[in-house]
Amino acid sequence: SISIKADLSRTKGDYVQGKNSFTSGLLAEDFSEIENHYVGPTPPDKDHQYELTVYALDHSLNLKNGFYLNEFLKEVNQHKIDQTSINLIGRKI
């Protein structure tokens, strides 16, 4: 089993993180400190339902920092043994 510490993505650890949904090619400025880290559910207007999926893989993924979701899913589909999902409610604060 693997243990993941709370707020892990906020640390400057030696692990790979992909782009989040704040990414936009329309932005003129560099927002990599925001868009290259996990942010968590952030409903824009009301409570939203989110799906969290955990994958069991037979191999480490070959991804570089700043990867996109489609790159992640392609790699996962090549190495997936099993997966499980849970639906969560993100509350508008």
PDB file of N, CA and C in Angstrom:
ATOM      1  N   SER A   1       0.843  -1.179   0.000  1.00  0.00           N
ATOM      2  CA  SER A   1       0.000   0.000   0.000  1.00  0.00           C
ATOM      3  C   SER A   1       0.885   1.238   0.000  1.00  0.00           C
ATOM      4  N   ILE A   2       0.342   2.317  -0.513  1.00  0.00           N
ATOM      5  CA  ILE A   2       1.070   3.579  -0.608  1.00  0.00           C
ATOM      6  C   ILE A   2       0.342   4.612   0.234  1.00  0.00           C
ATOM      7  N   SER A   3       1.098   5.393   0.984  1.00  0.00           N
ATOM      8  CA  SER A   3       0.530   6.449   1.805  1.00  0.00           C
ATOM      9  C   SER A   3       0.839   7.800   1.163  1.00  0.00           C
ATOM     10  N   ILE A   4      -0.183   8.626   1.001  1.00  0.00           N
ATOM     11  CA  ILE A   4      -0.012   9.957   0.424  1.00  0.00           C
ATOM     12  C   ILE A   4      -0.380  10.975   1.494  1.00  0.00           C
ATOM     13  N   LYS A   5       0.560  11.863   1.819  1.00  0.00           N
ATOM     14  CA  LYS A   5       0.339  12.861   2.858  1.00  0.00           C
ATOM     15  C   LYS A   5      -0.650  13.929   2.396  1.00  0.00           C
ATOM     16  N   ALA A   6      -1.366  14.497   3.353  1.00  0.00           N
ATOM     17  CA  ALA A   6      -2.299  15.587   3.056  1.00  0.00           C
ATOM     18  C   ALA A   6      -1.548  16.767   2.448  1.00  0.00           C
ATOM     19  N   ASP A   7      -2.161  17.425   1.482  1.00  0.00           N
ATOM     20  CA  ASP A   7      -1.589  18.601   0.805  1.00  0.00           C
ATOM     21  C   ASP A   7      -0.262  18.316   0.110  1.00  0.00           C
ATOM     22  N   LEU A   8      -0.053  17.091  -0.316  1.00  0.00           N
ATOM     23  CA  LEU A   8       1.206  16.708  -0.956  1.00  0.00           C
ATOM     24  C   LEU A   8       1.530  17.582  -2.161  1.00  0.00           C
ATOM     25  N   SER A   9       0.543  17.929  -2.963  1.00  0.00           N
ATOM     26  CA  SER A   9       0.815  18.687  -4.188  1.00  0.00           C
ATOM     27  C   SER A   9       1.280  20.115  -3.917  1.00  0.00           C
ATOM     28  N   ARG A  10       1.107  20.592  -2.709  1.00  0.00           N
ATOM     29  CA  ARG A  10       1.560  21.950  -2.375  1.00  0.00           C
ATOM     30  C   ARG A  10       3.034  21.991  -1.993  1.00  0.00           C
ATOM     31  N   THR A  11       3.623  20.847  -1.755  1.00  0.00           N
ATOM     32  CA  THR A  11       5.042  20.806  -1.419  1.00  0.00           C
ATOM     33  C   THR A  11       5.861  20.817  -2.699  1.00  0.00           C
ATOM     34  N   LYS A  12       7.106  21.103  -2.594  1.00  0.00           N
ATOM     35  CA  LYS A  12       7.999  21.105  -3.756  1.00  0.00           C
ATOM     36  C   LYS A  12       8.703  19.754  -3.851  1.00  0.00           C
ATOM     37  N   GLY A  13       7.936  18.696  -3.737  1.00  0.00           N
ATOM     38  CA  GLY A  13       8.487  17.351  -3.771  1.00  0.00           C
ATOM     39  C   GLY A  13       8.957  16.948  -5.154  1.00  0.00           C
ATOM     40  N   ASP A  14       9.648  15.831  -5.204  1.00  0.00           N
ATOM     41  CA  ASP A  14      10.200  15.305  -6.449  1.00  0.00           C
ATOM     42  C   ASP A  14       9.216  14.312  -7.059  1.00  0.00           C
ATOM     43  N   TYR A  15       8.114  14.811  -7.593  1.00  0.00           N
ATOM     44  CA  TYR A  15       7.111  13.976  -8.230  1.00  0.00           C
ATOM     45  C   TYR A  15       6.485  14.766  -9.379  1.00  0.00           C
ATOM     46  N   VAL A  16       5.912  14.055 -10.299  1.00  0.00           N
ATOM     47  CA  VAL A  16       5.368  14.645 -11.522  1.00  0.00           C
ATOM     48  C   VAL A  16       3.911  15.053 -11.313  1.00  0.00           C
ATOM     49  N   GLN A  17       3.564  16.254 -11.773  1.00  0.00           N
ATOM     50  CA  GLN A  17       2.181  16.723 -11.721  1.00  0.00           C
ATOM     51  C   GLN A  17       1.774  17.237 -13.094  1.00  0.00           C
ATOM     52  N   GLY A  18       0.508  17.041 -13.422  1.00  0.00           N
ATOM     53  CA  GLY A  18      -0.009  17.478 -14.716  1.00  0.00           C
ATOM     54  C   GLY A  18      -0.741  18.797 -14.630  1.00  0.00           C
ATOM     55  N   LYS A  19      -1.244  19.226 -15.770  1.00  0.00           N
ATOM     56  CA  LYS A  19      -2.041  20.455 -15.848  1.00  0.00           C
ATOM     57  C   LYS A  19      -3.407  20.210 -15.218  1.00  0.00           C
ATOM     58  N   ASN A  20      -3.949  21.235 -14.571  1.00  0.00           N
ATOM     59  CA  ASN A  20      -5.297  21.131 -14.023  1.00  0.00           C
ATOM     60  C   ASN A  20      -6.278  21.876 -14.919  1.00  0.00           C
ATOM     61  N   SER A  21      -7.512  21.976 -14.513  1.00  0.00           N
ATOM     62  CA  SER A  21      -8.544  22.583 -15.361  1.00  0.00           C
ATOM     63  C   SER A  21      -8.455  24.105 -15.432  1.00  0.00           C
ATOM     64  N   PHE A  22      -7.501  24.711 -14.730  1.00  0.00           N
ATOM     65  CA  PHE A  22      -7.291  26.148 -14.860  1.00  0.00           C
ATOM     66  C   PHE A  22      -6.422  26.482 -16.067  1.00  0.00           C
ATOM     67  N   THR A  23      -5.892  25.471 -16.736  1.00  0.00           N
ATOM     68  CA  THR A  23      -5.016  25.654 -17.887  1.00  0.00           C
ATOM     69  C   THR A  23      -5.778  26.268 -19.053  1.00  0.00           C
ATOM     70  N   SER A  24      -5.155  27.232 -19.695  1.00  0.00           N
ATOM     71  CA  SER A  24      -5.754  27.832 -20.890  1.00  0.00           C
ATOM     72  C   SER A  24      -4.653  28.352 -21.797  1.00  0.00           C
ATOM     73  N   GLY A  25      -4.714  27.993 -23.064  1.00  0.00           N
ATOM     74  CA  GLY A  25      -3.773  28.523 -24.038  1.00  0.00           C
ATOM     75  C   GLY A  25      -4.020  29.989 -24.328  1.00  0.00           C
ATOM     76  N   LEU A  26      -5.129  30.522 -23.831  1.00  0.00           N
ATOM     77  CA  LEU A  26      -5.469  31.922 -24.066  1.00  0.00           C
ATOM     78  C   LEU A  26      -4.780  32.867 -23.089  1.00  0.00           C
ATOM     79  N   LEU A  27      -4.195  32.319 -22.026  1.00  0.00           N
ATOM     80  CA  LEU A  27      -3.540  33.157 -21.027  1.00  0.00           C
ATOM     81  C   LEU A  27      -2.183  33.621 -21.543  1.00  0.00           C
ATOM     82  N   ALA A  28      -1.941  34.913 -21.468  1.00  0.00           N
ATOM     83  CA  ALA A  28      -0.676  35.467 -21.953  1.00  0.00           C
ATOM     84  C   ALA A  28       0.436  35.311 -20.924  1.00  0.00           C
ATOM     85  N   GLU A  29       0.084  35.191 -19.666  1.00  0.00           N
ATOM     86  CA  GLU A  29       1.083  35.110 -18.604  1.00  0.00           C
ATOM     87  C   GLU A  29       1.373  33.664 -18.233  1.00  0.00           C
ATOM     88  N   ASP A  30       2.477  33.454 -17.541  1.00  0.00           N
ATOM     89  CA  ASP A  30       2.859  32.128 -17.060  1.00  0.00           C
ATOM     90  C   ASP A  30       2.198  31.895 -15.703  1.00  0.00           C
ATOM     91  N   PHE A  31       1.250  30.965 -15.670  1.00  0.00           N
ATOM     92  CA  PHE A  31       0.563  30.614 -14.431  1.00  0.00           C
ATOM     93  C   PHE A  31       0.922  29.192 -14.002  1.00  0.00           C
ATOM     94  N   SER A  32       2.132  28.741 -14.327  1.00  0.00           N
ATOM     95  CA  SER A  32       2.513  27.354 -14.067  1.00  0.00           C
ATOM     96  C   SER A  32       2.467  27.000 -12.583  1.00  0.00           C
ATOM     97  N   GLU A  33       2.663  27.967 -11.704  1.00  0.00           N
ATOM     98  CA  GLU A  33       2.583  27.675 -10.268  1.00  0.00           C
ATOM     99  C   GLU A  33       1.159  27.330  -9.854  1.00  0.00           C
ATOM    100  N   ILE A  34       0.184  27.762 -10.623  1.00  0.00           N
ATOM    101  CA  ILE A  34      -1.215  27.453 -10.341  1.00  0.00           C
ATOM    102  C   ILE A  34      -1.686  26.271 -11.176  1.00  0.00           C
ATOM    103  N   GLU A  35      -1.394  26.281 -12.468  1.00  0.00           N
ATOM    104  CA  GLU A  35      -1.975  25.293 -13.375  1.00  0.00           C
ATOM    105  C   GLU A  35      -1.268  23.945 -13.387  1.00  0.00           C
ATOM    106  N   ASN A  36      -0.107  23.821 -12.766  1.00  0.00           N
ATOM    107  CA  ASN A  36       0.630  22.557 -12.762  1.00  0.00           C
ATOM    108  C   ASN A  36       0.553  21.830 -11.427  1.00  0.00           C
ATOM    109  N   HIS A  37      -0.485  22.079 -10.660  1.00  0.00           N
ATOM    110  CA  HIS A  37      -0.646  21.447  -9.350  1.00  0.00           C
ATOM    111  C   HIS A  37      -2.106  21.070  -9.135  1.00  0.00           C
ATOM    112  N   TYR A  38      -2.311  20.098  -8.271  1.00  0.00           N
ATOM    113  CA  TYR A  38      -3.673  19.711  -7.909  1.00  0.00           C
ATOM    114  C   TYR A  38      -4.309  20.837  -7.111  1.00  0.00           C
ATOM    115  N   VAL A  39      -5.534  21.181  -7.446  1.00  0.00           N
ATOM    116  CA  VAL A  39      -6.235  22.261  -6.761  1.00  0.00           C
ATOM    117  C   VAL A  39      -7.411  21.739  -5.953  1.00  0.00           C
ATOM    118  N   GLY A  40      -8.000  20.652  -6.373  1.00  0.00           N
ATOM    119  CA  GLY A  40      -9.161  20.120  -5.678  1.00  0.00           C
ATOM    120  C   GLY A  40     -10.443  20.681  -6.252  1.00  0.00           C
ATOM    121  N   PRO A  41     -11.566  20.131  -5.841  1.00  0.00           N
ATOM    122  CA  PRO A  41     -12.853  20.586  -6.363  1.00  0.00           C
ATOM    123  C   PRO A  41     -13.087  22.064  -6.053  1.00  0.00           C
ATOM    124  N   THR A  42     -13.380  22.830  -7.071  1.00  0.00           N
ATOM    125  CA  THR A  42     -13.668  24.256  -6.905  1.00  0.00           C
ATOM    126  C   THR A  42     -14.906  24.618  -7.722  1.00  0.00           C
ATOM    127  N   PRO A  43     -16.088  24.266  -7.216  1.00  0.00           N
ATOM    128  CA  PRO A  43     -17.316  24.571  -7.954  1.00  0.00           C
ATOM    129  C   PRO A  43     -17.460  26.078  -8.162  1.00  0.00           C
ATOM    130  N   PRO A  44     -17.731  26.509  -9.393  1.00  0.00           N
ATOM    131  CA  PRO A  44     -17.785  27.941  -9.680  1.00  0.00           C
ATOM    132  C   PRO A  44     -19.055  28.643  -9.212  1.00  0.00           C
ATOM    133  N   ASP A  45     -20.173  27.915  -9.142  1.00  0.00           N
ATOM    134  CA  ASP A  45     -21.429  28.611  -8.873  1.00  0.00           C
ATOM    135  C   ASP A  45     -22.334  27.919  -7.861  1.00  0.00           C
ATOM    136  N   LYS A  46     -22.235  26.605  -7.752  1.00  0.00           N
ATOM    137  CA  LYS A  46     -23.066  25.835  -6.820  1.00  0.00           C
ATOM    138  C   LYS A  46     -22.359  24.509  -6.555  1.00  0.00           C
ATOM    139  N   ASP A  47     -22.899  23.706  -5.655  1.00  0.00           N
ATOM    140  CA  ASP A  47     -22.302  22.401  -5.383  1.00  0.00           C
ATOM    141  C   ASP A  47     -22.242  21.584  -6.678  1.00  0.00           C
ATOM    142  N   HIS A  48     -21.132  20.884  -6.881  1.00  0.00           N
ATOM    143  CA  HIS A  48     -20.952  20.052  -8.069  1.00  0.00           C
ATOM    144  C   HIS A  48     -20.574  18.643  -7.654  1.00  0.00           C
ATOM    145  N   GLN A  49     -20.903  17.686  -8.501  1.00  0.00           N
ATOM    146  CA  GLN A  49     -20.509  16.302  -8.272  1.00  0.00           C
ATOM    147  C   GLN A  49     -19.207  16.037  -9.026  1.00  0.00           C
ATOM    148  N   TYR A  50     -18.266  15.386  -8.355  1.00  0.00           N
ATOM    149  CA  TYR A  50     -16.971  15.044  -8.934  1.00  0.00           C
ATOM    150  C   TYR A  50     -16.756  13.549  -8.794  1.00  0.00           C
ATOM    151  N   GLU A  51     -15.973  12.984  -9.689  1.00  0.00           N
ATOM    152  CA  GLU A  51     -15.624  11.567  -9.617  1.00  0.00           C
ATOM    153  C   GLU A  51     -14.120  11.450  -9.390  1.00  0.00           C
ATOM    154  N   LEU A  52     -13.737  10.759  -8.323  1.00  0.00           N
ATOM    155  CA  LEU A  52     -12.333  10.492  -8.017  1.00  0.00           C
ATOM    156  C   LEU A  52     -12.047   9.047  -8.394  1.00  0.00           C
ATOM    157  N   THR A  53     -11.059   8.837  -9.251  1.00  0.00           N
ATOM    158  CA  THR A  53     -10.703   7.494  -9.696  1.00  0.00           C
ATOM    159  C   THR A  53      -9.271   7.192  -9.288  1.00  0.00           C
ATOM    160  N   VAL A  54      -9.066   6.000  -8.735  1.00  0.00           N
ATOM    161  CA  VAL A  54      -7.740   5.512  -8.362  1.00  0.00           C
ATOM    162  C   VAL A  54      -7.441   4.304  -9.237  1.00  0.00           C
ATOM    163  N   TYR A  55      -6.237   4.270  -9.797  1.00  0.00           N
ATOM    164  CA  TYR A  55      -5.843   3.197 -10.709  1.00  0.00           C
ATOM    165  C   TYR A  55      -4.758   2.330 -10.094  1.00  0.00           C
ATOM    166  N   ALA A  56      -4.846   1.015 -10.316  1.00  0.00           N
ATOM    167  CA  ALA A  56      -3.761   0.082 -10.002  1.00  0.00           C
ATOM    168  C   ALA A  56      -3.039  -0.166 -11.320  1.00  0.00           C
ATOM    169  N   LEU A  57      -1.732   0.071 -11.335  1.00  0.00           N
ATOM    170  CA  LEU A  57      -0.942  -0.032 -12.559  1.00  0.00           C
ATOM    171  C   LEU A  57       0.145  -1.085 -12.416  1.00  0.00           C
ATOM    172  N   ASP A  58       0.561  -1.648 -13.541  1.00  0.00           N
ATOM    173  CA  ASP A  58       1.633  -2.638 -13.525  1.00  0.00           C
ATOM    174  C   ASP A  58       3.003  -2.017 -13.758  1.00  0.00           C
ATOM    175  N   HIS A  59       3.035  -0.690 -13.945  1.00  0.00           N
ATOM    176  CA  HIS A  59       4.290  -0.026 -14.283  1.00  0.00           C
ATOM    177  C   HIS A  59       4.152   1.461 -13.977  1.00  0.00           C
ATOM    178  N   SER A  60       5.243   2.117 -13.639  1.00  0.00           N
ATOM    179  CA  SER A  60       5.216   3.572 -13.468  1.00  0.00           C
ATOM    180  C   SER A  60       4.921   4.234 -14.806  1.00  0.00           C
ATOM    181  N   LEU A  61       4.237   5.358 -14.762  1.00  0.00           N
ATOM    182  CA  LEU A  61       3.893   6.064 -15.992  1.00  0.00           C
ATOM    183  C   LEU A  61       5.061   6.916 -16.473  1.00  0.00           C
ATOM    184  N   ASN A  62       5.193   7.025 -17.780  1.00  0.00           N
ATOM    185  CA  ASN A  62       6.264   7.806 -18.391  1.00  0.00           C
ATOM    186  C   ASN A  62       5.722   9.189 -18.754  1.00  0.00           C
ATOM    187  N   LEU A  63       5.561  10.036 -17.749  1.00  0.00           N
ATOM    188  CA  LEU A  63       5.013  11.377 -17.946  1.00  0.00           C
ATOM    189  C   LEU A  63       5.998  12.412 -17.419  1.00  0.00           C
ATOM    190  N   LYS A  64       5.956  13.590 -18.005  1.00  0.00           N
ATOM    191  CA  LYS A  64       6.797  14.713 -17.579  1.00  0.00           C
ATOM    192  C   LYS A  64       5.896  15.776 -16.940  1.00  0.00           C
ATOM    193  N   ASN A  65       6.490  16.623 -16.087  1.00  0.00           N
ATOM    194  CA  ASN A  65       5.726  17.707 -15.464  1.00  0.00           C
ATOM    195  C   ASN A  65       4.982  18.517 -16.518  1.00  0.00           C
ATOM    196  N   GLY A  66       3.738  18.848 -16.211  1.00  0.00           N
ATOM    197  CA  GLY A  66       2.921  19.637 -17.116  1.00  0.00           C
ATOM    198  C   GLY A  66       2.168  18.815 -18.145  1.00  0.00           C
ATOM    199  N   PHE A  67       2.063  17.495 -17.916  1.00  0.00           N
ATOM    200  CA  PHE A  67       1.326  16.648 -18.862  1.00  0.00           C
ATOM    201  C   PHE A  67      -0.162  17.000 -18.836  1.00  0.00           C
ATOM    202  N   TYR A  68      -0.844  16.655 -19.927  1.00  0.00           N
ATOM    203  CA  TYR A  68      -2.284  16.891 -20.043  1.00  0.00           C
ATOM    204  C   TYR A  68      -3.059  15.609 -19.760  1.00  0.00           C
ATOM    205  N   LEU A  69      -4.353  15.745 -19.475  1.00  0.00           N
ATOM    206  CA  LEU A  69      -5.200  14.612 -19.123  1.00  0.00           C
ATOM    207  C   LEU A  69      -5.173  13.528 -20.195  1.00  0.00           C
ATOM    208  N   ASN A  70      -5.231  13.901 -21.473  1.00  0.00           N
ATOM    209  CA  ASN A  70      -5.228  12.883 -22.529  1.00  0.00           C
ATOM    210  C   ASN A  70      -3.933  12.073 -22.526  1.00  0.00           C
ATOM    211  N   GLU A  71      -2.806  12.698 -22.201  1.00  0.00           N
ATOM    212  CA  GLU A  71      -1.529  11.980 -22.108  1.00  0.00           C
ATOM    213  C   GLU A  71      -1.560  11.004 -20.935  1.00  0.00           C
ATOM    214  N   PHE A  72      -2.115  11.454 -19.814  1.00  0.00           N
ATOM    215  CA  PHE A  72      -2.253  10.601 -18.636  1.00  0.00           C
ATOM    216  C   PHE A  72      -3.109   9.376 -18.942  1.00  0.00           C
ATOM    217  N   LEU A  73      -4.284   9.602 -19.548  1.00  0.00           N
ATOM    218  CA  LEU A  73      -5.201   8.495 -19.831  1.00  0.00           C
ATOM    219  C   LEU A  73      -4.606   7.498 -20.824  1.00  0.00           C
ATOM    220  N   LYS A  74      -3.857   7.972 -21.797  1.00  0.00           N
ATOM    221  CA  LYS A  74      -3.197   7.073 -22.751  1.00  0.00           C
ATOM    222  C   LYS A  74      -2.217   6.157 -22.024  1.00  0.00           C
ATOM    223  N   GLU A  75      -1.405   6.729 -21.146  1.00  0.00           N
ATOM    224  CA  GLU A  75      -0.441   5.942 -20.365  1.00  0.00           C
ATOM    225  C   GLU A  75      -1.157   4.966 -19.430  1.00  0.00           C
ATOM    226  N   VAL A  76      -2.174   5.449 -18.737  1.00  0.00           N
ATOM    227  CA  VAL A  76      -2.919   4.598 -17.803  1.00  0.00           C
ATOM    228  C   VAL A  76      -3.521   3.404 -18.533  1.00  0.00           C
ATOM    229  N   ASN A  77      -4.123   3.634 -19.683  1.00  0.00           N
ATOM    230  CA  ASN A  77      -4.766   2.546 -20.429  1.00  0.00           C
ATOM    231  C   ASN A  77      -3.784   1.467 -20.865  1.00  0.00           C
ATOM    232  N   GLN A  78      -2.512   1.810 -20.983  1.00  0.00           N
ATOM    233  CA  GLN A  78      -1.492   0.829 -21.354  1.00  0.00           C
ATOM    234  C   GLN A  78      -1.031  -0.005 -20.162  1.00  0.00           C
ATOM    235  N   HIS A  79      -1.245   0.494 -18.941  1.00  0.00           N
ATOM    236  CA  HIS A  79      -0.691  -0.165 -17.752  1.00  0.00           C
ATOM    237  C   HIS A  79      -1.720  -0.485 -16.674  1.00  0.00           C
ATOM    238  N   LYS A  80      -2.994  -0.268 -16.948  1.00  0.00           N
ATOM    239  CA  LYS A  80      -4.041  -0.427 -15.933  1.00  0.00           C
ATOM    240  C   LYS A  80      -4.313  -1.900 -15.637  1.00  0.00           C
ATOM    241  N   ILE A  81      -4.275  -2.237 -14.350  1.00  0.00           N
ATOM    242  CA  ILE A  81      -4.661  -3.563 -13.870  1.00  0.00           C
ATOM    243  C   ILE A  81      -6.105  -3.514 -13.381  1.00  0.00           C
ATOM    244  N   ASP A  82      -6.413  -2.452 -12.635  1.00  0.00           N
ATOM    245  CA  ASP A  82      -7.754  -2.293 -12.069  1.00  0.00           C
ATOM    246  C   ASP A  82      -7.966  -0.823 -11.746  1.00  0.00           C
ATOM    247  N   GLN A  83      -9.198  -0.475 -11.441  1.00  0.00           N
ATOM    248  CA  GLN A  83      -9.514   0.885 -11.024  1.00  0.00           C
ATOM    249  C   GLN A  83     -10.764   0.869 -10.164  1.00  0.00           C
ATOM    250  N   THR A  84     -10.911   1.913  -9.360  1.00  0.00           N
ATOM    251  CA  THR A  84     -12.126   2.100  -8.577  1.00  0.00           C
ATOM    252  C   THR A  84     -12.419   3.591  -8.520  1.00  0.00           C
ATOM    253  N   SER A  85     -13.682   3.934  -8.400  1.00  0.00           N
ATOM    254  CA  SER A  85     -14.086   5.342  -8.389  1.00  0.00           C
ATOM    255  C   SER A  85     -15.079   5.600  -7.269  1.00  0.00           C
ATOM    256  N   ILE A  86     -15.123   6.842  -6.851  1.00  0.00           N
ATOM    257  CA  ILE A  86     -16.096   7.288  -5.864  1.00  0.00           C
ATOM    258  C   ILE A  86     -16.598   8.662  -6.307  1.00  0.00           C
ATOM    259  N   ASN A  87     -17.874   8.913  -6.115  1.00  0.00           N
ATOM    260  CA  ASN A  87     -18.454  10.219  -6.423  1.00  0.00           C
ATOM    261  C   ASN A  87     -18.435  11.079  -5.173  1.00  0.00           C
ATOM    262  N   LEU A  88     -18.021  12.326  -5.336  1.00  0.00           N
ATOM    263  CA  LEU A  88     -17.898  13.272  -4.234  1.00  0.00           C
ATOM    264  C   LEU A  88     -18.674  14.537  -4.566  1.00  0.00           C
ATOM    265  N   ILE A  89     -19.106  15.239  -3.540  1.00  0.00           N
ATOM    266  CA  ILE A  89     -19.759  16.529  -3.729  1.00  0.00           C
ATOM    267  C   ILE A  89     -18.767  17.622  -3.351  1.00  0.00           C
ATOM    268  N   GLY A  90     -18.485  18.513  -4.288  1.00  0.00           N
ATOM    269  CA  GLY A  90     -17.675  19.696  -4.014  1.00  0.00           C
ATOM    270  C   GLY A  90     -18.617  20.815  -3.627  1.00  0.00           C
ATOM    271  N   ARG A  91     -18.438  21.368  -2.445  1.00  0.00           N
ATOM    272  CA  ARG A  91     -19.352  22.391  -1.935  1.00  0.00           C
ATOM    273  C   ARG A  91     -18.883  23.786  -2.328  1.00  0.00           C
ATOM    274  N   LYS A  92     -19.806  24.588  -2.801  1.00  0.00           N
ATOM    275  CA  LYS A  92     -19.535  25.994  -3.079  1.00  0.00           C
ATOM    276  C   LYS A  92     -19.426  26.716  -1.747  1.00  0.00           C
ATOM    277  N   ILE A  93     -18.326  27.399  -1.539  1.00  0.00           N
ATOM    278  CA  ILE A  93     -18.100  28.102  -0.267  1.00  0.00           C
ATOM    279  C   ILE A  93     -18.412  29.568  -0.428  1.00  0.00           C
TER     280      ILE A  93
END
